[in-house]
Amino acid sequence: MNLLSGPVLGAAALVASPALYGGFVSGAVTVDVAVTRWLVAVVVCWVAISLVAMMVGEPSAAQPAVVPADEAPTEELPAQ
């Protein structure tokens, strides 16, 4: 998972939204503290999403069905 991907940045914004609101809207915290909390949340969300992606893995390709030799259809020769 890329550190600057959309899901990572969005999840970090969601996690750090109280700090971002306090920094940019209400002024409860300074902007540099809000941005620092968001950057920490980016790293934490990146690690968490990467771990989940590593556990789930890539989807496997569909394998063709194998028919046992005794059940395989036989070709009939044309009558002469």
Protein backbone atom coordinates (compact mmCIF):
# COMPACT_ATOMS: atom_id res chain seq x y z
CA MET A 1 0.00 0.00 0.00
CA ASN A 2 1.35 3.40 -0.96
CA LEU A 3 1.80 5.90 1.87
CA LEU A 4 0.20 8.68 -0.18
CA SER A 5 -2.75 6.66 -1.50
CA GLY A 6 -6.31 7.85 -1.17
CA PRO A 7 -7.49 5.29 1.38
CA VAL A 8 -4.55 6.01 3.68
CA LEU A 9 -4.93 9.78 3.53
CA GLY A 10 -8.71 9.55 3.92
CA ALA A 11 -8.52 7.20 6.89
CA ALA A 12 -5.95 9.47 8.53
CA ALA A 13 -8.17 12.50 8.00
CA LEU A 14 -11.06 10.59 9.56
CA VAL A 15 -8.97 9.51 12.55
CA ALA A 16 -7.49 12.99 13.08
CA SER A 17 -10.68 14.90 12.29
CA PRO A 18 -11.18 16.22 15.85
CA ALA A 19 -7.68 17.72 15.81
CA LEU A 20 -8.15 19.09 12.30
CA TYR A 21 -11.46 20.67 13.28
CA GLY A 22 -9.88 22.15 16.38
CA GLY A 23 -6.96 23.51 14.41
CA PHE A 24 -8.71 24.93 11.36
CA VAL A 25 -12.24 25.77 12.54
CA SER A 26 -12.60 26.37 16.25
CA GLY A 27 -9.02 27.33 17.08
CA ALA A 28 -8.89 25.03 20.11
CA VAL A 29 -5.42 23.78 19.10
CA THR A 30 -2.76 25.36 16.94
CA VAL A 31 -2.52 24.44 13.28
CA ASP A 32 0.93 22.88 13.64
CA VAL A 33 -0.35 20.54 16.37
CA ALA A 34 -3.33 19.56 14.19
CA VAL A 35 -1.08 18.84 11.19
CA THR A 36 1.35 16.88 13.37
CA ARG A 37 -1.50 14.73 14.69
CA TRP A 38 -2.68 14.15 11.12
CA LEU A 39 0.82 13.10 10.02
CA VAL A 40 1.05 10.63 12.91
CA ALA A 41 -2.38 9.31 11.92
CA VAL A 42 -1.14 8.89 8.31
CA VAL A 43 1.69 6.62 9.46
CA VAL A 44 -0.57 4.62 11.80
CA CYS A 45 -3.26 4.16 9.15
CA TRP A 46 -0.67 3.21 6.53
CA VAL A 47 0.72 0.47 8.79
CA ALA A 48 -2.77 -0.81 9.67
CA ILE A 49 -4.05 -0.88 6.07
CA SER A 50 -0.80 -2.49 4.86
CA LEU A 51 -1.10 -5.24 7.48
CA VAL A 52 -4.69 -5.97 6.48
CA ALA A 53 -3.72 -6.02 2.78
CA MET A 54 -0.84 -8.37 3.56
CA MET A 55 -3.11 -10.77 5.46
CA VAL A 56 -5.82 -10.77 2.80
CA GLY A 57 -3.46 -11.02 -0.18
CA GLU A 58 -4.13 -10.83 -3.87
CA PRO A 59 -7.08 -12.73 -5.31
CA SER A 60 -5.98 -15.92 -7.01
CA ALA A 61 -6.68 -16.58 -10.66
CA ALA A 62 -9.47 -19.02 -11.45
CA GLN A 63 -8.11 -22.50 -12.08
CA PRO A 64 -9.69 -24.66 -14.79
CA ALA A 65 -11.58 -27.69 -13.55
CA VAL A 66 -9.67 -30.96 -13.83
CA VAL A 67 -11.68 -33.95 -15.02
CA PRO A 68 -10.37 -37.37 -13.92
CA ALA A 69 -9.23 -39.65 -16.76
CA ASP A 70 -11.91 -42.28 -16.09
CA GLU A 71 -14.65 -39.66 -16.40
CA ALA A 72 -13.21 -37.80 -19.37
CA PRO A 73 -15.41 -37.78 -22.47
CA THR A 74 -14.12 -39.94 -25.31
CA GLU A 75 -14.31 -39.05 -28.97
CA GLU A 76 -16.22 -41.47 -31.12
CA LEU A 77 -14.78 -42.29 -34.49
CA PRO A 78 -17.08 -41.79 -37.44
CA ALA A 79 -18.62 -45.00 -38.86
CA GLN A 80 -17.21 -46.27 -42.17
